[in-house]
Each structure stands twice: as structure tokens, then as C-alpha cells.
């Protein structure tokens, strides 16, 4: 069965391993902070915010300094991994998928686009009812599907999803290249 840690390591490496100074940031179009993709506005009760705020204060509100310090924290990294496992991996039942590639594709897209879109596109690819619910029929179809064919087809849906967002909202154009690059991680 698919392994969460492997999928999360791919995401972490792609996003932050070469840029630990960017793991904590404040986007111009958002309210609050984001730490390793966890948006404070939508997840204000996340256990890691206390350490983030304390470190930011110790760094005189310098985001780059705080990012570098926070990235070294094993406790905070564990909290980040637990968050992603509970909020994304487990909710999509990705432990029950036999292909690591298919699970990775769904997980990495889900983190960026949300559970509903990620599951529906996976269901479209494997030709089951696209209701966004991972039930036995979806799991069975995913577990029988060729992982290479799935990966190629799923990337097409990911790219189109991101292009549609950017075409509807010009304020999102700045993120399009990064989103599309993320679609091709797996």
C-alpha cells in the first residue's frame, strides 16, 4: 500500500528543501501567515502556530530569519507531517491505494487544489462516478489502473485546473507556473 511519508517527502523536497527561508511567508493576497503550505486563516488552531509566532518574535518579525529557524525544528516538522496526513492523506484513503505513484499524484494535487477536485479528477481518469467520495468502487478502480497511464492523464487535468483558475482570476497568474510545475512532480 502507498506510503504517506514518501509522498510528503516529495512535496517537502519540491517546495522547501532548496528554500528553507521561504517556508514561512505572507502572501500579498492573503490574510495571516502560511507555514509550509498551512494557511493560518483557514487553520488557526493548528498546533504549530505557537512555535511559529514565538520564533517570528525572536527574529524581530523577520520572515526569512524565522523560516530558517523553524525549518530546523523537528517538532514543527512532525506537526506539519501530522497535519498533512490527517487533513489530506487519510481523508482520501490513500493508504488503501496500492500504487505509490497514483497516491502521490492525488496527494500532491489535493494539497494545492483541495480534496474535492483531486478526487473527482482521479475518478474521471479511472472512469467511475466523479462525486469526490473515495469509496470501494473508486479504490478498486484506482488499484486496477496502470500507474503510468494514470499519471499522464491526471497531469492533464491538473494543468487544466490551474489554467482555469488563472484565466478566471488574473490575480492568480503569478502562481500559475509554480502550480503547473507541481503538477509534474510525480
Foldseek 3Di string as FASTA:
>chain_A
DADLVVLVVLLCCVPPPVPLLPQWDDDPVDPQIHGNLRGCVVCVPQPLVVVLVVLCVVVVNRSSSSSVVLVPDPVNVVSVSVCLCVQAVVQLVLVLAPDNLLSSLLSLLCSPPNQLLSQLQLCVQLVDDSPSHDDPVSRVSRNPDDSVSSLVSSLVSQLVVLVVVCVVPVVCPVCNVVSNVSSPSD
